[in-house]
Amino acid sequence: MDTTALEHLDTFPYRHRVSELMTAPIVTIDPDRPVAEATRLMSERRISSVIILDADRRLHGILTERDVLRLVAAGPDRLAGPVAAAMTAPVHAIEADAPIYRALARMARLEVRHLPVVDHDNRPIGMLTSSALLKQRASLALTLGDEIALAPDGRTLRALHDRLPALVRALRGEDVSATQASSVVAGIVRDLTARAGELALAEMKSAGQGEPPVPWCLLVLGSAGRGESLLAPDQDNALIHEGAAGDDAWFAAFAERLNRLLDEAGVPYCKGGVMAKSPSYRHSLAGWQAQIDAWVARPQPEALLGADIFYDFAAVLGTRPLAGALRRHATRAAGHSPAFLHQLAAATEDVPRATDLLGRLRTREGRIDLKRYGLFPIVTAARVVALAWGSTATATDVRLADAAAKSAFPEDAARSLTDARGVIVETILDQQLEDIAADRIPDNRVDPRRLGRRATSRLREALAVAAETPELVRAALSSRPIISAP
């Protein structure tokens, strides 16, 4: 593959989030107000657009300077008409935690100069404009997200997926941290999942099975949901809808197509069956709520095999407020069940230390599994404490920061866990890049012999920090107040 476009990458769009460049608060106007009033509002506030909300305060339309100019060209008297008749609807939007590169690609593809920024309930919280992004243009590598959005089939998605190692190598070459690079990978996995969902919808229509019978939402789970994917992902996804039992047949057929397309795209089937085509990961909202309540009421180890990965979910396609409603229920349920939280935390108790009695790293066939000994206990600790204190965050570092802010963890402990995760992710990711270059299948195992003395020392320290997470979580849960999740 020609990687010339990646060699001199402007890394700002990969390092930063939409929330950092958006303007807030938003400026809104009622749909029945005259356009002339909206133009005065834009002039007074020195803005180039206003937002129109529906009865639930969700995004309904947008009126921009371009819309006003078109109206004036049709006749100045049109300014007396209502905003609803002149606004653009439906409106394309972007999530606040999306990386800047996705916003750049989306604006270029849609040929728009304004992107409302929404939260997980599709309620607008800010505005991103082309002028704010003007100085953040990057190389042709930014088109990767855009090309995914236009990919016509699984084979094309696979070709785009195969460009990920070159992108990550370029980012690392520009001193982008490994955790930031893994966030980029997760964003692209989300994009791939969303596009596979769109292609599956098209296949359903072509097969005569029609449109979805009820509102629905596609979720990614696990590392992609947390924004922490590496270069050896498999599928972790689920589906939520508003239907009844009779609607499941449509969604089962859709999910089969979705998971097949993702496998064709280079995101292989999950060996543990954590996929929307499995009935266990495809429910109505009421069904998911019942599943969560069952987990909480009977927190047995065998019943919680999928609960931990579920709590990292993120919406990628469909009716996002469904995901918001599910998040609120799931967080509230966990927060009210100490037994459930302790059972989730117990998983870290079974992880042995990464070194043996002589202080040697535990290797098998010359490699050490850094997911098992390092990432798993840190990610689990952050998840459990976040849920205990009612945080709806999914990213591990954000969960740790929330825990410190709420005094669940000491600040220095949260910082040490964040730093340790960074070292472990860096070690895995660099090994994966080396394995891919050598035509080896990447995984989460690292050959310690390739590390220098300083890198080995840093890794040992990081693994020692990870080994202390069970004690930290026990202390946090013992001091946990009675909370009510939002």
Protein backbone atom coordinates (compact mmCIF):
# COMPACT_ATOMS: atom_id res chain seq x y z
CA MET A 1 0.00 0.00 0.00
CA ASP A 2 1.18 3.52 -0.80
CA THR A 3 1.57 5.28 2.58
CA THR A 4 2.95 8.57 1.24
CA ALA A 5 -0.11 10.45 2.43
CA LEU A 6 0.57 9.30 5.98
CA GLU A 7 4.22 10.29 6.19
CA HIS A 8 3.69 13.94 7.08
CA LEU A 9 0.50 13.75 9.06
CA ASP A 10 -1.02 16.74 10.80
CA THR A 11 -1.81 14.98 14.05
CA PHE A 12 -4.01 17.62 15.70
CA PRO A 13 -7.26 16.06 14.39
CA TYR A 14 -6.27 12.74 15.93
CA ARG A 15 -5.20 14.17 19.28
CA HIS A 16 -8.23 16.34 20.00
CA ARG A 17 -12.00 16.06 20.35
CA VAL A 18 -14.91 17.98 18.90
CA SER A 19 -15.77 19.30 22.37
CA GLU A 20 -12.49 21.25 22.37
CA LEU A 21 -13.35 23.27 19.25
CA MET A 22 -17.11 23.60 19.46
CA THR A 23 -18.78 26.84 20.51
CA ALA A 24 -21.23 26.70 23.37
CA PRO A 25 -23.89 27.29 24.49
CA ILE A 26 -25.99 26.92 21.37
CA VAL A 27 -28.33 29.65 20.16
CA THR A 28 -31.87 28.47 19.44
CA ILE A 29 -35.08 29.92 18.01
CA ASP A 30 -38.63 28.64 17.93
CA PRO A 31 -39.75 27.24 14.55
CA ASP A 32 -42.73 29.59 14.30
CA ARG A 33 -40.67 32.79 14.64
CA PRO A 34 -40.06 34.83 11.46
CA VAL A 35 -36.82 34.36 9.58
CA ALA A 36 -36.09 38.08 9.93
CA GLU A 37 -35.90 37.61 13.69
CA ALA A 38 -33.45 34.77 13.23
CA THR A 39 -31.22 36.92 11.00
CA ARG A 40 -31.20 39.69 13.62
CA LEU A 41 -30.26 37.12 16.25
CA MET A 42 -27.37 35.86 14.12
CA SER A 43 -26.17 39.41 13.54
CA GLU A 44 -26.37 40.38 17.20
CA ARG A 45 -24.59 37.23 18.39
CA ARG A 46 -22.09 37.28 15.49
CA ILE A 47 -22.90 33.70 14.58
CA SER A 48 -23.67 32.06 11.26
CA SER A 49 -26.46 29.68 12.30
CA VAL A 50 -29.23 29.06 14.81
CA ILE A 51 -30.65 25.75 16.00
CA ILE A 52 -34.31 24.71 16.05
CA LEU A 53 -35.34 22.16 18.70
CA ASP A 54 -38.33 19.82 18.84
CA ALA A 55 -40.69 19.46 21.79
CA ASP A 56 -38.22 17.15 23.57
CA ARG A 57 -35.37 19.67 23.18
CA ARG A 58 -33.69 17.43 20.61
CA LEU A 59 -32.22 18.53 17.31
CA HIS A 60 -34.94 19.37 14.78
CA GLY A 61 -33.45 21.79 12.24
CA ILE A 62 -30.81 24.42 11.52
CA LEU A 63 -31.01 27.80 9.84
CA THR A 64 -27.74 29.09 8.40
CA GLU A 65 -26.62 32.20 6.57
CA ARG A 66 -26.69 30.15 3.38
CA ASP A 67 -30.36 29.31 3.98
CA VAL A 68 -31.15 33.00 4.50
CA LEU A 69 -29.35 34.02 1.29
CA ARG A 70 -31.33 31.47 -0.68
CA LEU A 71 -34.51 32.84 0.82
CA VAL A 72 -33.63 36.45 -0.01
CA ALA A 73 -32.80 35.44 -3.59
CA ALA A 74 -36.31 34.01 -3.90
CA GLY A 75 -37.81 37.29 -2.67
CA PRO A 76 -37.14 39.57 0.32
CA ASP A 77 -40.72 39.13 1.51
CA ARG A 78 -39.83 35.55 2.38
CA LEU A 79 -38.04 36.84 5.50
CA ALA A 80 -41.43 37.34 7.10
CA GLY A 81 -42.15 33.61 6.85
CA PRO A 82 -41.57 31.15 9.71
CA VAL A 83 -38.19 29.64 10.45
CA ALA A 84 -39.68 26.15 10.05
CA ALA A 85 -40.26 26.79 6.34
CA ALA A 86 -36.69 27.91 5.71
CA MET A 87 -34.62 25.67 7.98
CA THR A 88 -32.62 22.64 6.85
CA ALA A 89 -33.96 19.36 8.21
CA PRO A 90 -33.08 16.68 9.06
CA VAL A 91 -29.76 17.88 10.44
CA HIS A 92 -26.43 16.10 10.35
CA ALA A 93 -24.69 16.19 13.74
CA ILE A 94 -21.66 14.79 15.54
CA GLU A 95 -20.98 13.63 19.08
CA ALA A 96 -18.97 15.81 21.45
CA ASP A 97 -16.43 13.07 22.16
CA ALA A 98 -15.76 12.32 18.48
CA PRO A 99 -12.20 13.06 17.29
CA ILE A 100 -11.69 16.11 15.10
CA TYR A 101 -10.69 13.99 12.09
CA ARG A 102 -14.18 12.50 11.96
CA ALA A 103 -15.73 15.97 11.94
CA LEU A 104 -13.43 17.07 9.12
CA ALA A 105 -14.29 14.03 7.03
CA ARG A 106 -18.03 14.36 7.69
CA MET A 107 -18.15 18.05 6.78
CA ALA A 108 -16.20 17.41 3.60
CA ARG A 109 -18.42 14.51 2.54
CA LEU A 110 -21.69 16.28 3.31
CA GLU A 111 -20.44 19.65 2.00
CA VAL A 112 -21.69 21.47 5.08
CA ARG A 113 -20.09 24.26 7.09
CA HIS A 114 -21.96 23.68 10.36
CA LEU A 115 -22.19 20.55 12.48
CA PRO A 116 -24.34 20.69 15.60
CA VAL A 117 -22.68 18.82 18.45
CA VAL A 118 -24.96 16.49 20.41
CA ASP A 119 -24.83 14.44 23.58
CA HIS A 120 -25.82 10.78 23.82
CA ASP A 121 -29.51 11.70 23.88
CA ASN A 122 -29.24 13.67 20.62
CA ARG A 123 -29.65 16.95 22.46
CA PRO A 124 -27.48 19.73 21.00
CA ILE A 125 -24.80 21.12 23.31
CA GLY A 126 -22.58 23.06 20.90
CA MET A 127 -21.78 23.99 17.32
CA LEU A 128 -18.75 23.13 15.18
CA THR A 129 -18.10 25.36 12.17
CA SER A 130 -15.78 25.18 9.20
CA SER A 131 -14.10 28.39 10.33
CA ALA A 132 -13.16 26.75 13.64
CA LEU A 133 -11.62 23.89 11.69
CA LEU A 134 -9.93 25.96 9.01
CA LYS A 135 -6.48 25.73 10.55
CA GLN A 136 -6.84 22.07 11.38
CA ARG A 137 -6.80 20.63 7.85
CA ALA A 138 -4.80 17.44 7.65
CA SER A 139 -3.35 15.26 4.90
CA LEU A 140 -5.19 12.78 2.73
CA ALA A 141 -5.14 10.34 5.61
CA LEU A 142 -8.19 12.12 6.95
CA THR A 143 -10.21 10.72 4.10
CA LEU A 144 -10.12 7.27 5.70
CA GLY A 145 -13.26 7.93 7.76
CA ASP A 146 -14.94 9.46 4.72
CA GLU A 147 -14.04 6.50 2.52
CA ILE A 148 -15.52 4.15 5.09
CA ALA A 149 -18.78 6.10 4.97
CA LEU A 150 -18.90 5.60 1.18
CA ALA A 151 -17.67 1.99 1.00
CA PRO A 152 -20.08 -0.09 -1.15
CA ASP A 153 -19.30 -3.54 0.27
CA GLY A 154 -17.37 -5.62 2.78
CA ARG A 155 -14.40 -6.07 0.46
CA THR A 156 -13.90 -2.31 0.22
CA LEU A 157 -14.24 -1.99 3.98
CA ARG A 158 -11.52 -4.65 4.33
CA ALA A 159 -9.14 -2.62 2.14
CA LEU A 160 -9.75 0.41 4.33
CA HIS A 161 -9.36 -1.61 7.52
CA ASP A 162 -6.02 -2.88 6.24
CA ARG A 163 -4.72 0.70 6.18
CA LEU A 164 -4.96 0.97 9.95
CA PRO A 165 -1.41 -0.25 10.75
CA ALA A 166 0.12 2.34 8.42
CA LEU A 167 -1.98 5.06 10.03
CA VAL A 168 -1.00 3.99 13.53
CA ARG A 169 2.67 3.77 12.51
CA ALA A 170 2.50 7.31 11.15
CA LEU A 171 0.83 8.57 14.32
CA ARG A 172 3.46 6.93 16.50
CA GLY A 173 6.14 8.40 14.27
CA GLU A 174 4.70 11.85 14.98
CA ASP A 175 4.88 11.21 18.75
CA VAL A 176 1.16 10.70 19.15
CA SER A 177 0.75 8.69 22.35
CA ALA A 178 -0.21 5.05 22.11
CA THR A 179 -3.44 5.69 24.01
CA GLN A 180 -4.38 8.44 21.55
CA ALA A 181 -3.54 6.16 18.63
CA SER A 182 -5.70 3.42 20.13
CA SER A 183 -8.55 5.92 20.37
CA VAL A 184 -8.18 6.59 16.64
CA VAL A 185 -8.32 2.84 15.95
CA ALA A 186 -11.47 2.56 18.08
CA GLY A 187 -13.07 5.43 16.18
CA ILE A 188 -12.40 3.70 12.89
CA VAL A 189 -13.75 0.39 14.22
CA ARG A 190 -16.91 2.28 15.19
CA ASP A 191 -17.06 3.79 11.69
CA LEU A 192 -16.63 0.34 10.14
CA THR A 193 -19.41 -1.05 12.33
CA ALA A 194 -21.76 1.80 11.45
CA ARG A 195 -21.08 1.39 7.72
CA ALA A 196 -21.55 -2.38 7.93
CA GLY A 197 -24.91 -1.62 9.55
CA GLU A 198 -25.88 0.69 6.68
CA LEU A 199 -24.87 -1.93 4.12
CA ALA A 200 -26.85 -4.57 6.02
CA LEU A 201 -29.91 -2.30 5.88
CA ALA A 202 -29.46 -1.98 2.12
CA GLU A 203 -29.20 -5.77 1.78
CA MET A 204 -32.40 -6.21 3.76
CA LYS A 205 -34.24 -3.87 1.39
CA SER A 206 -32.81 -5.60 -1.68
CA ALA A 207 -33.95 -8.96 -0.30
CA GLY A 208 -37.48 -7.63 0.06
CA GLN A 209 -37.41 -7.54 3.84
CA GLY A 210 -38.05 -3.83 4.03
CA GLU A 211 -37.25 -1.19 6.61
CA PRO A 212 -36.71 -1.79 10.35
CA PRO A 213 -40.14 -2.37 11.91
CA VAL A 214 -39.43 -0.14 14.94
CA PRO A 215 -36.76 2.35 16.09
CA TRP A 216 -33.48 0.65 16.92
CA CYS A 217 -29.84 1.35 17.76
CA LEU A 218 -26.60 -0.51 17.04
CA LEU A 219 -24.04 -0.62 19.86
CA VAL A 220 -20.36 -1.46 19.99
CA LEU A 221 -19.09 -2.96 23.23
CA GLY A 222 -15.74 -3.55 24.87
CA SER A 223 -12.60 -1.71 23.78
CA ALA A 224 -14.25 -0.02 20.79
CA GLY A 225 -17.01 1.23 23.07
CA ARG A 226 -14.41 2.58 25.49
CA GLY A 227 -12.41 4.16 22.65
CA GLU A 228 -9.38 1.96 23.37
CA SER A 229 -8.98 -0.51 20.50
CA LEU A 230 -5.66 -2.00 19.44
CA LEU A 231 -4.72 -3.69 16.18
CA ALA A 232 -6.20 -7.12 16.90
CA PRO A 233 -9.91 -6.39 17.45
CA ASP A 234 -12.75 -8.83 17.06
CA GLN A 235 -16.44 -8.04 16.97
CA ASP A 236 -18.17 -6.93 20.13
CA ASN A 237 -21.58 -5.50 19.29
CA ALA A 238 -25.21 -5.56 20.35
CA LEU A 239 -28.59 -4.28 19.26
CA ILE A 240 -31.44 -2.52 21.04
CA HIS A 241 -34.89 -1.77 19.65
CA GLU A 242 -38.35 -0.61 20.70
CA GLY A 243 -40.24 -3.61 19.38
CA ALA A 244 -41.95 -6.72 20.69
CA ALA A 245 -41.05 -10.39 20.33
CA GLY A 246 -42.55 -10.51 16.84
CA ASP A 247 -40.07 -7.90 15.60
CA ASP A 248 -37.02 -9.95 16.51
CA ALA A 249 -37.01 -11.99 13.29
CA TRP A 250 -36.26 -8.86 11.25
CA PHE A 251 -33.45 -7.81 13.56
CA ALA A 252 -32.02 -11.33 13.65
CA ALA A 253 -31.73 -11.34 9.86
CA PHE A 254 -30.24 -7.85 9.91
CA ALA A 255 -27.69 -8.83 12.57
CA GLU A 256 -26.59 -11.90 10.59
CA ARG A 257 -25.80 -9.62 7.64
CA LEU A 258 -24.10 -7.05 9.87
CA ASN A 259 -21.78 -9.55 11.53
CA ARG A 260 -20.94 -11.21 8.21
CA LEU A 261 -20.06 -7.85 6.64
CA LEU A 262 -17.82 -6.96 9.58
CA ASP A 263 -16.05 -10.30 9.28
CA GLU A 264 -15.49 -9.59 5.58
CA ALA A 265 -14.18 -6.15 6.59
CA GLY A 266 -11.41 -7.67 8.70
CA VAL A 267 -13.15 -7.45 12.09
CA PRO A 268 -13.55 -11.17 12.79
CA TYR A 269 -16.42 -12.90 14.52
CA CYS A 270 -16.17 -12.86 18.31
CA LYS A 271 -15.20 -16.32 19.56
CA GLY A 272 -17.31 -15.73 22.65
CA GLY A 273 -20.39 -14.88 20.60
CA VAL A 274 -20.63 -11.25 21.76
CA MET A 275 -22.43 -10.14 18.61
CA ALA A 276 -25.83 -8.80 17.66
CA LYS A 277 -26.70 -12.03 15.81
CA SER A 278 -26.70 -13.81 19.17
CA PRO A 279 -30.11 -13.55 20.90
CA SER A 280 -28.27 -12.75 24.15
CA TYR A 281 -27.05 -9.48 22.63
CA ARG A 282 -30.22 -8.45 20.81
CA HIS A 283 -33.13 -7.20 22.89
CA SER A 284 -35.82 -4.58 23.09
CA LEU A 285 -35.20 -1.75 25.54
CA ALA A 286 -37.48 -3.51 28.01
CA GLY A 287 -35.63 -6.76 27.35
CA TRP A 288 -32.23 -5.19 28.02
CA GLN A 289 -33.55 -3.57 31.17
CA ALA A 290 -34.82 -6.97 32.34
CA GLN A 291 -31.44 -8.52 31.52
CA ILE A 292 -29.62 -5.86 33.53
CA ASP A 293 -32.02 -6.31 36.45
CA ALA A 294 -31.34 -10.05 36.35
CA TRP A 295 -27.58 -9.48 36.43
CA VAL A 296 -27.98 -7.19 39.40
CA ALA A 297 -30.43 -9.41 41.27
CA ARG A 298 -28.36 -12.59 40.78
CA PRO A 299 -24.72 -11.49 40.53
CA GLN A 300 -23.18 -14.93 39.99
CA PRO A 301 -19.87 -15.24 38.08
CA GLU A 302 -21.35 -17.35 35.29
CA ALA A 303 -24.18 -14.83 34.83
CA LEU A 304 -21.78 -11.89 34.54
CA LEU A 305 -19.52 -13.13 31.77
CA GLY A 306 -20.99 -10.57 29.40
CA ALA A 307 -21.99 -7.88 31.87
CA ASP A 308 -18.57 -6.26 32.15
CA ILE A 309 -18.09 -5.82 28.40
CA PHE A 310 -21.70 -4.64 28.04
CA TYR A 311 -21.15 -1.69 30.36
CA ASP A 312 -18.64 -0.21 27.89
CA PHE A 313 -21.20 0.21 25.10
CA ALA A 314 -21.40 3.14 22.69
CA ALA A 315 -24.05 3.87 20.07
CA VAL A 316 -22.89 3.96 16.44
CA LEU A 317 -26.03 3.81 14.28
CA GLY A 318 -29.77 4.26 14.67
CA THR A 319 -31.88 5.98 17.32
CA ARG A 320 -29.30 7.10 19.87
CA PRO A 321 -31.75 8.14 22.62
CA LEU A 322 -32.45 4.42 23.05
CA ALA A 323 -28.82 3.98 24.05
CA GLY A 324 -29.11 6.95 26.40
CA ALA A 325 -32.12 5.42 28.12
CA LEU A 326 -30.32 2.09 28.43
CA ARG A 327 -27.22 3.80 29.88
CA ARG A 328 -29.24 5.54 32.56
CA HIS A 329 -31.00 2.33 33.57
CA ALA A 330 -27.79 0.29 33.57
CA THR A 331 -25.85 2.83 35.62
CA ARG A 332 -28.65 3.29 38.12
CA ALA A 333 -29.11 -0.46 38.56
CA ALA A 334 -25.41 -1.09 39.15
CA GLY A 335 -25.14 1.80 41.58
CA HIS A 336 -27.87 0.36 43.76
CA SER A 337 -26.36 -3.13 44.02
CA PRO A 338 -23.21 -3.49 46.16
CA ALA A 339 -23.29 -7.25 45.60
CA PHE A 340 -23.20 -6.77 41.83
CA LEU A 341 -20.30 -4.32 42.07
CA HIS A 342 -18.32 -6.63 44.35
CA GLN A 343 -18.91 -9.53 41.97
CA LEU A 344 -17.64 -7.48 39.01
CA ALA A 345 -14.60 -6.47 41.05
CA ALA A 346 -13.92 -10.07 42.06
CA ALA A 347 -12.69 -10.83 38.54
CA THR A 348 -9.47 -8.94 39.27
CA GLU A 349 -8.77 -11.09 42.33
CA ASP A 350 -8.06 -14.11 40.13
CA VAL A 351 -5.36 -12.39 38.05
CA PRO A 352 -1.91 -13.54 39.24
CA ARG A 353 0.98 -11.13 39.48
CA ALA A 354 2.91 -10.63 36.25
CA THR A 355 6.18 -11.75 37.85
CA ASP A 356 7.15 -15.03 39.46
CA LEU A 357 8.89 -15.50 42.84
CA LEU A 358 12.24 -14.64 41.24
CA GLY A 359 10.89 -11.41 39.78
CA ARG A 360 10.84 -12.71 36.20
CA LEU A 361 8.01 -11.75 33.86
CA ARG A 362 5.56 -14.60 33.39
CA THR A 363 5.92 -15.64 29.76
CA ARG A 364 4.51 -18.46 27.71
CA GLU A 365 6.30 -19.43 24.52
CA GLY A 366 8.49 -16.39 25.04
CA ARG A 367 5.70 -13.81 25.38
CA ILE A 368 3.72 -12.22 28.19
CA ASP A 369 -0.02 -11.57 27.91
CA LEU A 370 -0.26 -7.87 28.79
CA LYS A 371 -4.04 -7.77 28.44
CA ARG A 372 -4.42 -10.41 31.15
CA TYR A 373 -1.79 -9.09 33.55
CA GLY A 374 -2.11 -5.38 32.87
CA LEU A 375 -5.04 -3.98 30.93
CA PHE A 376 -7.75 -6.23 32.34
CA PRO A 377 -7.31 -5.33 36.02
CA ILE A 378 -6.97 -1.59 35.30
CA VAL A 379 -9.96 -1.44 32.96
CA THR A 380 -12.08 -3.51 35.35
CA ALA A 381 -11.15 -1.39 38.35
CA ALA A 382 -12.03 1.82 36.52
CA ARG A 383 -15.36 0.36 35.35
CA VAL A 384 -16.42 -0.89 38.78
CA VAL A 385 -15.58 2.31 40.63
CA ALA A 386 -17.20 4.48 37.94
CA LEU A 387 -20.42 2.48 38.28
CA ALA A 388 -20.23 2.60 42.07
CA TRP A 389 -20.14 6.39 41.99
CA GLY A 390 -22.75 6.77 39.25
CA SER A 391 -20.43 7.87 36.42
CA THR A 392 -21.74 7.23 32.90
CA ALA A 393 -18.26 7.55 31.35
CA THR A 394 -16.92 4.63 29.32
CA ALA A 395 -13.28 5.56 28.60
CA THR A 396 -10.92 4.14 31.22
CA ASP A 397 -8.91 7.32 31.76
CA VAL A 398 -12.09 9.37 32.13
CA ARG A 399 -13.49 6.85 34.59
CA LEU A 400 -10.29 7.07 36.63
CA ALA A 401 -10.42 10.87 36.58
CA ASP A 402 -14.06 10.75 37.71
CA ALA A 403 -13.10 8.38 40.51
CA ALA A 404 -10.39 10.74 41.72
CA ALA A 405 -12.68 13.78 41.46
CA LYS A 406 -15.24 11.99 43.66
CA SER A 407 -12.57 10.78 46.10
CA ALA A 408 -13.21 7.15 45.24
CA PHE A 409 -9.50 6.77 44.46
CA PRO A 410 -6.66 8.92 45.76
CA GLU A 411 -5.55 11.28 42.98
CA ASP A 412 -2.04 9.81 42.90
CA ALA A 413 -3.46 6.29 42.58
CA ALA A 414 -5.74 7.30 39.69
CA ARG A 415 -2.80 9.03 38.00
CA SER A 416 -0.58 5.97 38.49
CA LEU A 417 -3.22 3.71 36.94
CA THR A 418 -3.60 6.06 33.98
CA ASP A 419 0.15 6.18 33.45
CA ALA A 420 0.44 2.41 33.82
CA ARG A 421 -2.25 1.83 31.22
CA GLY A 422 -0.39 4.15 28.87
CA VAL A 423 2.83 2.17 29.24
CA ILE A 424 1.06 -1.16 28.72
CA VAL A 425 -0.88 0.06 25.66
CA GLU A 426 2.32 1.46 24.17
CA THR A 427 4.14 -1.82 24.68
CA ILE A 428 1.35 -3.88 23.10
CA LEU A 429 0.75 -1.51 20.19
CA ASP A 430 4.41 -1.27 19.24
CA GLN A 431 4.68 -5.06 19.38
CA GLN A 432 1.61 -5.36 17.16
CA LEU A 433 3.12 -2.99 14.59
CA GLU A 434 6.31 -5.06 14.61
CA ASP A 435 4.37 -8.31 14.23
CA ILE A 436 2.31 -6.96 11.33
CA ALA A 437 5.47 -5.77 9.57
CA ALA A 438 6.86 -9.31 9.95
CA ASP A 439 3.61 -10.88 8.64
CA ARG A 440 2.76 -12.29 12.05
CA ILE A 441 -0.81 -12.20 13.40
CA PRO A 442 -0.91 -9.52 16.13
CA ASP A 443 -2.39 -10.15 19.55
CA ASN A 444 -1.93 -8.85 23.10
CA ARG A 445 1.21 -10.84 23.87
CA VAL A 446 4.60 -9.13 23.91
CA ASP A 447 8.11 -10.51 23.61
CA PRO A 448 10.05 -8.93 26.52
CA ARG A 449 13.35 -9.66 24.75
CA ARG A 450 12.65 -6.89 22.24
CA LEU A 451 12.47 -4.30 25.02
CA GLY A 452 15.46 -2.36 26.22
CA ARG A 453 16.39 -2.06 29.88
CA ARG A 454 14.50 1.20 30.41
CA ALA A 455 11.36 -0.06 28.62
CA THR A 456 11.45 -3.30 30.63
CA SER A 457 11.75 -1.35 33.86
CA ARG A 458 8.79 0.89 32.92
CA LEU A 459 6.73 -2.17 32.04
CA ARG A 460 7.52 -3.90 35.34
CA GLU A 461 6.47 -0.78 37.25
CA ALA A 462 3.23 -0.54 35.24
CA LEU A 463 2.40 -4.18 35.88
CA ALA A 464 3.12 -3.72 39.59
CA VAL A 465 0.60 -0.86 39.64
CA ALA A 466 -1.97 -3.04 37.84
CA ALA A 467 -1.45 -5.76 40.46
CA GLU A 468 -2.57 -3.37 43.20
CA THR A 469 -6.01 -2.71 41.68
CA PRO A 470 -7.93 -5.32 43.73
CA GLU A 471 -6.88 -3.63 46.97
CA LEU A 472 -7.74 -0.19 45.58
CA VAL A 473 -11.18 -1.33 44.47
CA ARG A 474 -11.90 -3.00 47.82
CA ALA A 475 -11.02 0.24 49.61
CA ALA A 476 -13.12 2.29 47.21
CA LEU A 477 -16.19 0.08 47.54
CA SER A 478 -15.91 -0.03 51.34
CA SER A 479 -16.02 3.78 51.49
CA ARG A 480 -18.69 4.14 48.83
CA PRO A 481 -21.62 6.38 49.72
CA ILE A 482 -25.21 5.53 48.90
CA ILE A 483 -25.64 7.06 45.47
CA SER A 484 -28.37 7.60 42.96
CA ALA A 485 -27.14 7.47 39.36
CA PRO A 486 -28.43 10.13 36.96
